[in-house]
Amino acid sequence: MQQDSDSNNLVSLLTVEDHFSVSEAGLTLAPDFAMPQGDGWRGFSFVAVVRNAGEHDRRFRALATPVHFHTRDPSALRRGWRLLITLPMATKSDVPIGSTLLCEAQVIQRVFGGA
């Protein structure tokens, strides 16, 4: 992976608070997000840049995937559905806790309910 010369045009999606590996999915990052509103929402892939102190920026293919977590709380309308961000080809050492995940502004709009 190499330093991304275009990373100055990117915006922060999240700061990694935790991560765990899922064999079929790759590295799943926390925090997760509430599902955007709308019935036709689908997961998507995008290019993400991982930035951490003292190292070069690293580019990865990322996935924004809707996942349902079982909840017994009837007041938690739509709270069972969460949006996970995964990096299929990354390892924990590639993405230390405290790293910032950067992406294009359009990704932010999709994750937080825009286009």
PDB file of N, CA and C in Angstrom:
ATOM      1  N   MET A   1       0.856  -1.170   0.000  1.00  0.00           N
ATOM      2  CA  MET A   1       0.000   0.000   0.000  1.00  0.00           C
ATOM      3  C   MET A   1       0.905   1.237   0.000  1.00  0.00           C
ATOM      4  N   GLN A   2       0.410   2.303  -0.525  1.00  0.00           N
ATOM      5  CA  GLN A   2       1.231   3.498  -0.645  1.00  0.00           C
ATOM      6  C   GLN A   2       0.494   4.720  -0.137  1.00  0.00           C
ATOM      7  N   GLN A   3       1.268   5.782   0.041  1.00  0.00           N
ATOM      8  CA  GLN A   3       0.664   7.029   0.480  1.00  0.00           C
ATOM      9  C   GLN A   3      -0.274   7.546  -0.599  1.00  0.00           C
ATOM     10  N   ASP A   4      -1.395   8.088  -0.181  1.00  0.00           N
ATOM     11  CA  ASP A   4      -2.423   8.569  -1.100  1.00  0.00           C
ATOM     12  C   ASP A   4      -2.251  10.066  -1.285  1.00  0.00           C
ATOM     13  N   SER A   5      -1.836  10.488  -2.484  1.00  0.00           N
ATOM     14  CA  SER A   5      -1.605  11.912  -2.722  1.00  0.00           C
ATOM     15  C   SER A   5      -2.906  12.696  -2.757  1.00  0.00           C
ATOM     16  N   ASP A   6      -4.049  12.020  -2.962  1.00  0.00           N
ATOM     17  CA  ASP A   6      -5.333  12.696  -3.006  1.00  0.00           C
ATOM     18  C   ASP A   6      -6.048  12.681  -1.656  1.00  0.00           C
ATOM     19  N   SER A   7      -5.402  12.213  -0.599  1.00  0.00           N
ATOM     20  CA  SER A   7      -6.081  12.064   0.688  1.00  0.00           C
ATOM     21  C   SER A   7      -6.460  13.404   1.310  1.00  0.00           C
ATOM     22  N   ASN A   8      -5.898  14.514   0.814  1.00  0.00           N
ATOM     23  CA  ASN A   8      -6.304  15.820   1.334  1.00  0.00           C
ATOM     24  C   ASN A   8      -7.723  16.190   0.917  1.00  0.00           C
ATOM     25  N   ASN A   9      -8.267  15.535  -0.110  1.00  0.00           N
ATOM     26  CA  ASN A   9      -9.619  15.806  -0.580  1.00  0.00           C
ATOM     27  C   ASN A   9     -10.661  14.916   0.104  1.00  0.00           C
ATOM     28  N   LEU A  10     -10.226  14.099   1.029  1.00  0.00           N
ATOM     29  CA  LEU A  10     -11.115  13.156   1.687  1.00  0.00           C
ATOM     30  C   LEU A  10     -11.578  13.705   3.036  1.00  0.00           C
ATOM     31  N   VAL A  11     -12.676  13.116   3.540  1.00  0.00           N
ATOM     32  CA  VAL A  11     -13.231  13.524   4.829  1.00  0.00           C
ATOM     33  C   VAL A  11     -13.270  12.322   5.766  1.00  0.00           C
ATOM     34  N   SER A  12     -13.312  12.596   7.048  1.00  0.00           N
ATOM     35  CA  SER A  12     -13.300  11.545   8.051  1.00  0.00           C
ATOM     36  C   SER A  12     -14.670  10.881   8.180  1.00  0.00           C
ATOM     37  N   LEU A  13     -14.693   9.570   8.080  1.00  0.00           N
ATOM     38  CA  LEU A  13     -15.914   8.799   8.295  1.00  0.00           C
ATOM     39  C   LEU A  13     -15.989   8.340   9.750  1.00  0.00           C
ATOM     40  N   LEU A  14     -14.862   7.871  10.291  1.00  0.00           N
ATOM     41  CA  LEU A  14     -14.858   7.402  11.672  1.00  0.00           C
ATOM     42  C   LEU A  14     -13.444   7.340  12.212  1.00  0.00           C
ATOM     43  N   THR A  15     -13.349   7.343  13.535  1.00  0.00           N
ATOM     44  CA  THR A  15     -12.103   7.047  14.233  1.00  0.00           C
ATOM     45  C   THR A  15     -12.285   5.670  14.842  1.00  0.00           C
ATOM     46  N   VAL A  16     -11.370   4.767  14.549  1.00  0.00           N
ATOM     47  CA  VAL A  16     -11.510   3.371  14.957  1.00  0.00           C
ATOM     48  C   VAL A  16     -11.389   3.247  16.470  1.00  0.00           C
ATOM     49  N   GLU A  17     -12.485   2.807  17.098  1.00  0.00           N
ATOM     50  CA  GLU A  17     -12.511   2.573  18.542  1.00  0.00           C
ATOM     51  C   GLU A  17     -12.224   1.118  18.875  1.00  0.00           C
ATOM     52  N   ASP A  18     -12.554   0.234  17.937  1.00  0.00           N
ATOM     53  CA  ASP A  18     -12.327  -1.192  18.122  1.00  0.00           C
ATOM     54  C   ASP A  18     -12.417  -1.849  16.752  1.00  0.00           C
ATOM     55  N   HIS A  19     -11.959  -3.083  16.650  1.00  0.00           N
ATOM     56  CA  HIS A  19     -12.086  -3.846  15.421  1.00  0.00           C
ATOM     57  C   HIS A  19     -12.016  -5.325  15.741  1.00  0.00           C
ATOM     58  N   PHE A  20     -12.617  -6.123  14.869  1.00  0.00           N
ATOM     59  CA  PHE A  20     -12.532  -7.567  15.032  1.00  0.00           C
ATOM     60  C   PHE A  20     -12.587  -8.209  13.653  1.00  0.00           C
ATOM     61  N   SER A  21     -11.938  -9.359  13.545  1.00  0.00           N
ATOM     62  CA  SER A  21     -11.888 -10.067  12.271  1.00  0.00           C
ATOM     63  C   SER A  21     -13.013 -11.082  12.189  1.00  0.00           C
ATOM     64  N   VAL A  22     -13.680 -11.096  11.062  1.00  0.00           N
ATOM     65  CA  VAL A  22     -14.693 -12.092  10.753  1.00  0.00           C
ATOM     66  C   VAL A  22     -14.191 -12.799   9.500  1.00  0.00           C
ATOM     67  N   SER A  23     -14.018 -14.112   9.573  1.00  0.00           N
ATOM     68  CA  SER A  23     -13.336 -14.838   8.496  1.00  0.00           C
ATOM     69  C   SER A  23     -13.927 -14.577   7.117  1.00  0.00           C
ATOM     70  N   GLU A  24     -15.231 -14.518   6.995  1.00  0.00           N
ATOM     71  CA  GLU A  24     -15.837 -14.321   5.679  1.00  0.00           C
ATOM     72  C   GLU A  24     -15.873 -12.851   5.257  1.00  0.00           C
ATOM     73  N   ALA A  25     -15.857 -11.933   6.204  1.00  0.00           N
ATOM     74  CA  ALA A  25     -16.071 -10.521   5.888  1.00  0.00           C
ATOM     75  C   ALA A  25     -14.800  -9.690   5.895  1.00  0.00           C
ATOM     76  N   GLY A  26     -13.839 -10.053   6.706  1.00  0.00           N
ATOM     77  CA  GLY A  26     -12.635  -9.256   6.855  1.00  0.00           C
ATOM     78  C   GLY A  26     -12.632  -8.519   8.182  1.00  0.00           C
ATOM     79  N   LEU A  27     -11.982  -7.377   8.217  1.00  0.00           N
ATOM     80  CA  LEU A  27     -11.851  -6.600   9.444  1.00  0.00           C
ATOM     81  C   LEU A  27     -13.057  -5.680   9.595  1.00  0.00           C
ATOM     82  N   THR A  28     -13.820  -5.872  10.660  1.00  0.00           N
ATOM     83  CA  THR A  28     -15.003  -5.062  10.939  1.00  0.00           C
ATOM     84  C   THR A  28     -14.610  -3.979  11.931  1.00  0.00           C
ATOM     85  N   LEU A  29     -15.004  -2.740  11.638  1.00  0.00           N
ATOM     86  CA  LEU A  29     -14.598  -1.596  12.444  1.00  0.00           C
ATOM     87  C   LEU A  29     -15.726  -1.110  13.338  1.00  0.00           C
ATOM     88  N   ALA A  30     -15.364  -0.605  14.491  1.00  0.00           N
ATOM     89  CA  ALA A  30     -16.313   0.067  15.388  1.00  0.00           C
ATOM     90  C   ALA A  30     -15.812   1.481  15.576  1.00  0.00           C
ATOM     91  N   PRO A  31     -16.707   2.440  15.624  1.00  0.00           N
ATOM     92  CA  PRO A  31     -18.147   2.291  15.823  1.00  0.00           C
ATOM     93  C   PRO A  31     -18.876   1.909  14.539  1.00  0.00           C
ATOM     94  N   ASP A  32     -20.110   1.395  14.733  1.00  0.00           N
ATOM     95  CA  ASP A  32     -20.997   1.176  13.605  1.00  0.00           C
ATOM     96  C   ASP A  32     -21.951   2.367  13.537  1.00  0.00           C
ATOM     97  N   PHE A  33     -22.902   2.323  12.617  1.00  0.00           N
ATOM     98  CA  PHE A  33     -23.808   3.455  12.410  1.00  0.00           C
ATOM     99  C   PHE A  33     -25.246   2.985  12.366  1.00  0.00           C
ATOM    100  N   ALA A  34     -26.160   3.900  12.670  1.00  0.00           N
ATOM    101  CA  ALA A  34     -27.579   3.633  12.483  1.00  0.00           C
ATOM    102  C   ALA A  34     -27.839   3.511  10.989  1.00  0.00           C
ATOM    103  N   MET A  35     -28.837   2.717  10.633  1.00  0.00           N
ATOM    104  CA  MET A  35     -29.189   2.575   9.221  1.00  0.00           C
ATOM    105  C   MET A  35     -29.792   3.870   8.692  1.00  0.00           C
ATOM    106  N   PRO A  36     -29.373   4.282   7.496  1.00  0.00           N
ATOM    107  CA  PRO A  36     -30.020   5.436   6.864  1.00  0.00           C
ATOM    108  C   PRO A  36     -31.497   5.134   6.622  1.00  0.00           C
ATOM    109  N   GLN A  37     -32.313   6.160   6.609  1.00  0.00           N
ATOM    110  CA  GLN A  37     -33.741   5.993   6.353  1.00  0.00           C
ATOM    111  C   GLN A  37     -33.975   5.665   4.890  1.00  0.00           C
ATOM    112  N   GLY A  38     -35.078   4.996   4.622  1.00  0.00           N
ATOM    113  CA  GLY A  38     -35.452   4.674   3.253  1.00  0.00           C
ATOM    114  C   GLY A  38     -35.554   3.179   3.056  1.00  0.00           C
ATOM    115  N   ASP A  39     -36.534   2.764   2.283  1.00  0.00           N
ATOM    116  CA  ASP A  39     -36.780   1.341   2.079  1.00  0.00           C
ATOM    117  C   ASP A  39     -35.822   0.692   1.091  1.00  0.00           C
ATOM    118  N   GLY A  40     -35.295   1.450   0.148  1.00  0.00           N
ATOM    119  CA  GLY A  40     -34.473   0.872  -0.901  1.00  0.00           C
ATOM    120  C   GLY A  40     -32.985   0.897  -0.625  1.00  0.00           C
ATOM    121  N   TRP A  41     -32.600   1.124   0.607  1.00  0.00           N
ATOM    122  CA  TRP A  41     -31.176   1.269   0.908  1.00  0.00           C
ATOM    123  C   TRP A  41     -30.451  -0.059   0.758  1.00  0.00           C
ATOM    124  N   ARG A  42     -29.302  -0.047   0.115  1.00  0.00           N
ATOM    125  CA  ARG A  42     -28.476  -1.239  -0.082  1.00  0.00           C
ATOM    126  C   ARG A  42     -27.037  -0.941   0.312  1.00  0.00           C
ATOM    127  N   GLY A  43     -26.324  -1.989   0.696  1.00  0.00           N
ATOM    128  CA  GLY A  43     -24.905  -1.853   0.994  1.00  0.00           C
ATOM    129  C   GLY A  43     -24.131  -1.471  -0.256  1.00  0.00           C
ATOM    130  N   PHE A  44     -22.905  -1.000  -0.052  1.00  0.00           N
ATOM    131  CA  PHE A  44     -22.080  -0.576  -1.186  1.00  0.00           C
ATOM    132  C   PHE A  44     -20.609  -0.665  -0.815  1.00  0.00           C
ATOM    133  N   SER A  45     -19.758  -0.614  -1.822  1.00  0.00           N
ATOM    134  CA  SER A  45     -18.318  -0.603  -1.587  1.00  0.00           C
ATOM    135  C   SER A  45     -17.763   0.772  -1.941  1.00  0.00           C
ATOM    136  N   PHE A  46     -16.617   1.085  -1.358  1.00  0.00           N
ATOM    137  CA  PHE A  46     -15.977   2.367  -1.619  1.00  0.00           C
ATOM    138  C   PHE A  46     -14.493   2.246  -1.284  1.00  0.00           C
ATOM    139  N   VAL A  47     -13.735   3.225  -1.708  1.00  0.00           N
ATOM    140  CA  VAL A  47     -12.315   3.268  -1.377  1.00  0.00           C
ATOM    141  C   VAL A  47     -12.157   4.067  -0.094  1.00  0.00           C
ATOM    142  N   ALA A  48     -11.431   3.494   0.860  1.00  0.00           N
ATOM    143  CA  ALA A  48     -11.179   4.161   2.136  1.00  0.00           C
ATOM    144  C   ALA A  48      -9.676   4.312   2.321  1.00  0.00           C
ATOM    145  N   VAL A  49      -9.302   5.355   3.020  1.00  0.00           N
ATOM    146  CA  VAL A  49      -7.905   5.581   3.369  1.00  0.00           C
ATOM    147  C   VAL A  49      -7.797   5.528   4.884  1.00  0.00           C
ATOM    148  N   VAL A  50      -6.880   4.696   5.354  1.00  0.00           N
ATOM    149  CA  VAL A  50      -6.624   4.594   6.792  1.00  0.00           C
ATOM    150  C   VAL A  50      -5.444   5.498   7.108  1.00  0.00           C
ATOM    151  N   ARG A  51      -5.662   6.411   8.035  1.00  0.00           N
ATOM    152  CA  ARG A  51      -4.609   7.340   8.453  1.00  0.00           C
ATOM    153  C   ARG A  51      -4.337   7.128   9.930  1.00  0.00           C
ATOM    154  N   ASN A  52      -3.081   6.900  10.262  1.00  0.00           N
ATOM    155  CA  ASN A  52      -2.696   6.835  11.668  1.00  0.00           C
ATOM    156  C   ASN A  52      -1.368   7.540  11.859  1.00  0.00           C
ATOM    157  N   ALA A  53      -1.144   7.987  13.058  1.00  0.00           N
ATOM    158  CA  ALA A  53       0.008   8.841  13.369  1.00  0.00           C
ATOM    159  C   ALA A  53       1.325   8.163  12.993  1.00  0.00           C
ATOM    160  N   GLY A  54       2.170   8.921  12.315  1.00  0.00           N
ATOM    161  CA  GLY A  54       3.518   8.471  12.032  1.00  0.00           C
ATOM    162  C   GLY A  54       3.652   7.460  10.914  1.00  0.00           C
ATOM    163  N   GLU A  55       2.584   7.138  10.214  1.00  0.00           N
ATOM    164  CA  GLU A  55       2.667   6.167   9.135  1.00  0.00           C
ATOM    165  C   GLU A  55       2.080   6.760   7.858  1.00  0.00           C
ATOM    166  N   HIS A  56       2.346   6.091   6.766  1.00  0.00           N
ATOM    167  CA  HIS A  56       1.770   6.499   5.489  1.00  0.00           C
ATOM    168  C   HIS A  56       0.290   6.160   5.460  1.00  0.00           C
ATOM    169  N   ASP A  57      -0.479   6.940   4.714  1.00  0.00           N
ATOM    170  CA  ASP A  57      -1.876   6.607   4.478  1.00  0.00           C
ATOM    171  C   ASP A  57      -1.917   5.314   3.669  1.00  0.00           C
ATOM    172  N   ARG A  58      -2.930   4.477   3.982  1.00  0.00           N
ATOM    173  CA  ARG A  58      -3.081   3.212   3.273  1.00  0.00           C
ATOM    174  C   ARG A  58      -4.489   3.109   2.714  1.00  0.00           C
ATOM    175  N   ARG A  59      -4.577   2.706   1.448  1.00  0.00           N
ATOM    176  CA  ARG A  59      -5.873   2.582   0.760  1.00  0.00           C
ATOM    177  C   ARG A  59      -6.378   1.142   0.860  1.00  0.00           C
ATOM    178  N   PHE A  60      -7.699   1.025   1.080  1.00  0.00           N
ATOM    179  CA  PHE A  60      -8.355  -0.281   1.126  1.00  0.00           C
ATOM    180  C   PHE A  60      -9.722  -0.172   0.468  1.00  0.00           C
ATOM    181  N   ARG A  61     -10.191  -1.278  -0.063  1.00  0.00           N
ATOM    182  CA  ARG A  61     -11.592  -1.373  -0.467  1.00  0.00           C
ATOM    183  C   ARG A  61     -12.380  -1.596   0.812  1.00  0.00           C
ATOM    184  N   ALA A  62     -13.442  -0.823   0.978  1.00  0.00           N
ATOM    185  CA  ALA A  62     -14.285  -0.914   2.173  1.00  0.00           C
ATOM    186  C   ALA A  62     -15.707  -1.266   1.750  1.00  0.00           C
ATOM    187  N   LEU A  63     -16.436  -1.878   2.671  1.00  0.00           N
ATOM    188  CA  LEU A  63     -17.835  -2.216   2.446  1.00  0.00           C
ATOM    189  C   LEU A  63     -18.677  -1.590   3.542  1.00  0.00           C
ATOM    190  N   ALA A  64     -19.786  -0.997   3.153  1.00  0.00           N
ATOM    191  CA  ALA A  64     -20.804  -0.524   4.093  1.00  0.00           C
ATOM    192  C   ALA A  64     -21.946  -1.529   3.971  1.00  0.00           C
ATOM    193  N   THR A  65     -22.171  -2.307   5.025  1.00  0.00           N
ATOM    194  CA  THR A  65     -23.094  -3.430   4.951  1.00  0.00           C
ATOM    195  C   THR A  65     -24.151  -3.353   6.038  1.00  0.00           C
ATOM    196  N   PRO A  66     -25.441  -3.439   5.671  1.00  0.00           N
ATOM    197  CA  PRO A  66     -26.487  -3.484   6.693  1.00  0.00           C
ATOM    198  C   PRO A  66     -26.519  -4.867   7.347  1.00  0.00           C
ATOM    199  N   VAL A  67     -26.590  -4.870   8.672  1.00  0.00           N
ATOM    200  CA  VAL A  67     -26.614  -6.121   9.442  1.00  0.00           C
ATOM    201  C   VAL A  67     -27.677  -5.985  10.518  1.00  0.00           C
ATOM    202  N   HIS A  68     -28.418  -7.069  10.741  1.00  0.00           N
ATOM    203  CA  HIS A  68     -29.454  -7.041  11.775  1.00  0.00           C
ATOM    204  C   HIS A  68     -28.955  -7.740  13.033  1.00  0.00           C
ATOM    205  N   PHE A  69     -29.047  -7.026  14.164  1.00  0.00           N
ATOM    206  CA  PHE A  69     -28.736  -7.592  15.467  1.00  0.00           C
ATOM    207  C   PHE A  69     -30.050  -7.771  16.211  1.00  0.00           C
ATOM    208  N   HIS A  70     -30.256  -8.935  16.769  1.00  0.00           N
ATOM    209  CA  HIS A  70     -31.502  -9.216  17.485  1.00  0.00           C
ATOM    210  C   HIS A  70     -31.588  -8.350  18.744  1.00  0.00           C
ATOM    211  N   THR A  71     -32.709  -7.676  18.907  1.00  0.00           N
ATOM    212  CA  THR A  71     -32.950  -6.904  20.117  1.00  0.00           C
ATOM    213  C   THR A  71     -34.345  -7.229  20.625  1.00  0.00           C
ATOM    214  N   ARG A  72     -34.495  -7.347  21.921  1.00  0.00           N
ATOM    215  CA  ARG A  72     -35.793  -7.669  22.514  1.00  0.00           C
ATOM    216  C   ARG A  72     -36.532  -6.426  22.973  1.00  0.00           C
ATOM    217  N   ASP A  73     -35.929  -5.276  22.799  1.00  0.00           N
ATOM    218  CA  ASP A  73     -36.522  -4.020  23.240  1.00  0.00           C
ATOM    219  C   ASP A  73     -37.515  -3.523  22.192  1.00  0.00           C
ATOM    220  N   PRO A  74     -38.832  -3.573  22.471  1.00  0.00           N
ATOM    221  CA  PRO A  74     -39.818  -3.146  21.468  1.00  0.00           C
ATOM    222  C   PRO A  74     -39.740  -1.660  21.147  1.00  0.00           C
ATOM    223  N   SER A  75     -39.138  -0.860  22.031  1.00  0.00           N
ATOM    224  CA  SER A  75     -39.021   0.573  21.750  1.00  0.00           C
ATOM    225  C   SER A  75     -37.838   0.879  20.829  1.00  0.00           C
ATOM    226  N   ALA A  76     -37.079  -0.132  20.486  1.00  0.00           N
ATOM    227  CA  ALA A  76     -35.882   0.055  19.662  1.00  0.00           C
ATOM    228  C   ALA A  76     -36.203  -0.101  18.187  1.00  0.00           C
ATOM    229  N   LEU A  77     -37.196   0.631  17.710  1.00  0.00           N
ATOM    230  CA  LEU A  77     -37.598   0.579  16.311  1.00  0.00           C
ATOM    231  C   LEU A  77     -36.390   0.858  15.410  1.00  0.00           C
ATOM    232  N   ARG A  78     -36.128  -0.042  14.493  1.00  0.00           N
ATOM    233  CA  ARG A  78     -35.005   0.016  13.544  1.00  0.00           C
ATOM    234  C   ARG A  78     -33.645  -0.051  14.214  1.00  0.00           C
ATOM    235  N   ARG A  79     -33.576  -0.159  15.530  1.00  0.00           N
ATOM    236  CA  ARG A  79     -32.267  -0.178  16.175  1.00  0.00           C
ATOM    237  C   ARG A  79     -31.560  -1.507  15.995  1.00  0.00           C
ATOM    238  N   GLY A  80     -32.298  -2.565  15.642  1.00  0.00           N
ATOM    239  CA  GLY A  80     -31.649  -3.841  15.372  1.00  0.00           C
ATOM    240  C   GLY A  80     -30.806  -3.801  14.106  1.00  0.00           C
ATOM    241  N   TRP A  81     -31.166  -2.933  13.172  1.00  0.00           N
ATOM    242  CA  TRP A  81     -30.404  -2.782  11.935  1.00  0.00           C
ATOM    243  C   TRP A  81     -29.292  -1.772  12.144  1.00  0.00           C
ATOM    244  N   ARG A  82     -28.075  -2.197  11.846  1.00  0.00           N
ATOM    245  CA  ARG A  82     -26.899  -1.333  11.973  1.00  0.00           C
ATOM    246  C   ARG A  82     -26.115  -1.388  10.666  1.00  0.00           C
ATOM    247  N   LEU A  83     -25.345  -0.375  10.423  1.00  0.00           N
ATOM    248  CA  LEU A  83     -24.500  -0.300   9.244  1.00  0.00           C
ATOM    249  C   LEU A  83     -23.056  -0.533   9.686  1.00  0.00           C
ATOM    250  N   LEU A  84     -22.480  -1.639   9.231  1.00  0.00           N
ATOM    251  CA  LEU A  84     -21.100  -1.976   9.574  1.00  0.00           C
ATOM    252  C   LEU A  84     -20.167  -1.570   8.450  1.00  0.00           C
ATOM    253  N   ILE A  85     -18.977  -1.146   8.826  1.00  0.00           N
ATOM    254  CA  ILE A  85     -17.926  -0.846   7.860  1.00  0.00           C
ATOM    255  C   ILE A  85     -16.870  -1.939   8.003  1.00  0.00           C
ATOM    256  N   THR A  86     -16.579  -2.614   6.902  1.00  0.00           N
ATOM    257  CA  THR A  86     -15.560  -3.657   6.916  1.00  0.00           C
ATOM    258  C   THR A  86     -14.506  -3.375   5.852  1.00  0.00           C
ATOM    259  N   LEU A  87     -13.309  -3.852   6.118  1.00  0.00           N
ATOM    260  CA  LEU A  87     -12.192  -3.779   5.182  1.00  0.00           C
ATOM    261  C   LEU A  87     -11.779  -5.222   4.896  1.00  0.00           C
ATOM    262  N   PRO A  88     -12.262  -5.815   3.794  1.00  0.00           N
ATOM    263  CA  PRO A  88     -12.035  -7.235   3.541  1.00  0.00           C
ATOM    264  C   PRO A  88     -10.569  -7.659   3.472  1.00  0.00           C
ATOM    265  N   MET A  89      -9.679  -6.792   3.028  1.00  0.00           N
ATOM    266  CA  MET A  89      -8.280  -7.178   2.842  1.00  0.00           C
ATOM    267  C   MET A  89      -7.348  -6.625   3.917  1.00  0.00           C
ATOM    268  N   ALA A  90      -7.883  -6.031   4.972  1.00  0.00           N
ATOM    269  CA  ALA A  90      -7.044  -5.425   6.010  1.00  0.00           C
ATOM    270  C   ALA A  90      -6.888  -6.376   7.199  1.00  0.00           C
ATOM    271  N   THR A  91      -5.831  -6.157   7.945  1.00  0.00           N
ATOM    272  CA  THR A  91      -5.600  -6.870   9.198  1.00  0.00           C
ATOM    273  C   THR A  91      -5.636  -5.862  10.345  1.00  0.00           C
ATOM    274  N   LYS A  92      -5.684  -6.369  11.563  1.00  0.00           N
ATOM    275  CA  LYS A  92      -5.687  -5.474  12.723  1.00  0.00           C
ATOM    276  C   LYS A  92      -4.442  -4.600  12.755  1.00  0.00           C
ATOM    277  N   SER A  93      -3.316  -5.137  12.339  1.00  0.00           N
ATOM    278  CA  SER A  93      -2.089  -4.330  12.352  1.00  0.00           C
ATOM    279  C   SER A  93      -2.106  -3.234  11.289  1.00  0.00           C
ATOM    280  N   ASP A  94      -2.914  -3.407  10.232  1.00  0.00           N
ATOM    281  CA  ASP A  94      -3.063  -2.363   9.209  1.00  0.00           C
ATOM    282  C   ASP A  94      -3.870  -1.177   9.721  1.00  0.00           C
ATOM    283  N   VAL A  95      -4.736  -1.429  10.709  1.00  0.00           N
ATOM    284  CA  VAL A  95      -5.695  -0.421  11.173  1.00  0.00           C
ATOM    285  C   VAL A  95      -5.650  -0.349  12.702  1.00  0.00           C
ATOM    286  N   PRO A  96      -4.624   0.283  13.264  1.00  0.00           N
ATOM    287  CA  PRO A  96      -4.549   0.363  14.721  1.00  0.00           C
ATOM    288  C   PRO A  96      -5.723   1.141  15.323  1.00  0.00           C
ATOM    289  N   ILE A  97      -6.079   0.792  16.547  1.00  0.00           N
ATOM    290  CA  ILE A  97      -7.094   1.546  17.275  1.00  0.00           C
ATOM    291  C   ILE A  97      -6.652   3.009  17.294  1.00  0.00           C
ATOM    292  N   GLY A  98      -7.592   3.923  17.042  1.00  0.00           N
ATOM    293  CA  GLY A  98      -7.284   5.343  16.974  1.00  0.00           C
ATOM    294  C   GLY A  98      -7.048   5.854  15.568  1.00  0.00           C
ATOM    295  N   SER A  99      -6.932   4.942  14.600  1.00  0.00           N
ATOM    296  CA  SER A  99      -6.779   5.349  13.201  1.00  0.00           C
ATOM    297  C   SER A  99      -8.042   6.073  12.737  1.00  0.00           C
ATOM    298  N   THR A 100      -7.872   6.922  11.738  1.00  0.00           N
ATOM    299  CA  THR A 100      -9.002   7.602  11.128  1.00  0.00           C
ATOM    300  C   THR A 100      -9.265   6.973   9.774  1.00  0.00           C
ATOM    301  N   LEU A 101     -10.532   6.702   9.488  1.00  0.00           N
ATOM    302  CA  LEU A 101     -10.926   6.182   8.195  1.00  0.00           C
ATOM    303  C   LEU A 101     -11.480   7.337   7.380  1.00  0.00           C
ATOM    304  N   LEU A 102     -10.830   7.635   6.260  1.00  0.00           N
ATOM    305  CA  LEU A 102     -11.212   8.737   5.379  1.00  0.00           C
ATOM    306  C   LEU A 102     -11.882   8.193   4.128  1.00  0.00           C
ATOM    307  N   CYS A 103     -12.771   8.994   3.560  1.00  0.00           N
ATOM    308  CA  CYS A 103     -13.463   8.601   2.330  1.00  0.00           C
ATOM    309  C   CYS A 103     -13.920   9.853   1.595  1.00  0.00           C
ATOM    310  N   GLU A 104     -14.491   9.657   0.423  1.00  0.00           N
ATOM    311  CA  GLU A 104     -15.042  10.779  -0.340  1.00  0.00           C
ATOM    312  C   GLU A 104     -16.331  11.261   0.315  1.00  0.00           C
ATOM    313  N   ALA A 105     -16.667  12.515   0.089  1.00  0.00           N
ATOM    314  CA  ALA A 105     -17.855  13.119   0.706  1.00  0.00           C
ATOM    315  C   ALA A 105     -19.139  12.385   0.339  1.00  0.00           C
ATOM    316  N   GLN A 106     -19.220  11.808  -0.866  1.00  0.00           N
ATOM    317  CA  GLN A 106     -20.428  11.082  -1.270  1.00  0.00           C
ATOM    318  C   GLN A 106     -20.701   9.890  -0.363  1.00  0.00           C
ATOM    319  N   VAL A 107     -19.639   9.270   0.149  1.00  0.00           N
ATOM    320  CA  VAL A 107     -19.807   8.131   1.059  1.00  0.00           C
ATOM    321  C   VAL A 107     -20.460   8.603   2.350  1.00  0.00           C
ATOM    322  N   ILE A 108     -20.022   9.723   2.868  1.00  0.00           N
ATOM    323  CA  ILE A 108     -20.620  10.293   4.082  1.00  0.00           C
ATOM    324  C   ILE A 108     -22.117  10.527   3.863  1.00  0.00           C
ATOM    325  N   GLN A 109     -22.477  11.073   2.713  1.00  0.00           N
ATOM    326  CA  GLN A 109     -23.884  11.329   2.404  1.00  0.00           C
ATOM    327  C   GLN A 109     -24.686  10.034   2.406  1.00  0.00           C
ATOM    328  N   ARG A 110     -24.148   8.976   1.840  1.00  0.00           N
ATOM    329  CA  ARG A 110     -24.871   7.695   1.805  1.00  0.00           C
ATOM    330  C   ARG A 110     -24.982   7.085   3.197  1.00  0.00           C
ATOM    331  N   VAL A 111     -23.902   7.122   3.965  1.00  0.00           N
ATOM    332  CA  VAL A 111     -23.905   6.520   5.303  1.00  0.00           C
ATOM    333  C   VAL A 111     -24.859   7.238   6.248  1.00  0.00           C
ATOM    334  N   PHE A 112     -24.953   8.548   6.121  1.00  0.00           N
ATOM    335  CA  PHE A 112     -25.783   9.305   7.045  1.00  0.00           C
ATOM    336  C   PHE A 112     -27.130   9.719   6.440  1.00  0.00           C
ATOM    337  N   GLY A 113     -27.562   8.992   5.405  1.00  0.00           N
ATOM    338  CA  GLY A 113     -28.919   9.149   4.923  1.00  0.00           C
ATOM    339  C   GLY A 113     -29.105   9.998   3.693  1.00  0.00           C
ATOM    340  N   GLY A 114     -28.049  10.387   3.040  1.00  0.00           N
ATOM    341  CA  GLY A 114     -28.189  11.176   1.822  1.00  0.00           C
ATOM    342  C   GLY A 114     -28.365  10.275   0.613  1.00  0.00           C
ATOM    343  N   ALA A 115     -27.921  10.746  -0.519  1.00  0.00           N
ATOM    344  CA  ALA A 115     -28.096  10.085  -1.819  1.00  0.00           C
ATOM    345  C   ALA A 115     -27.685   8.645  -1.832  1.00  0.00           C
TER     346      ALA A 115
END
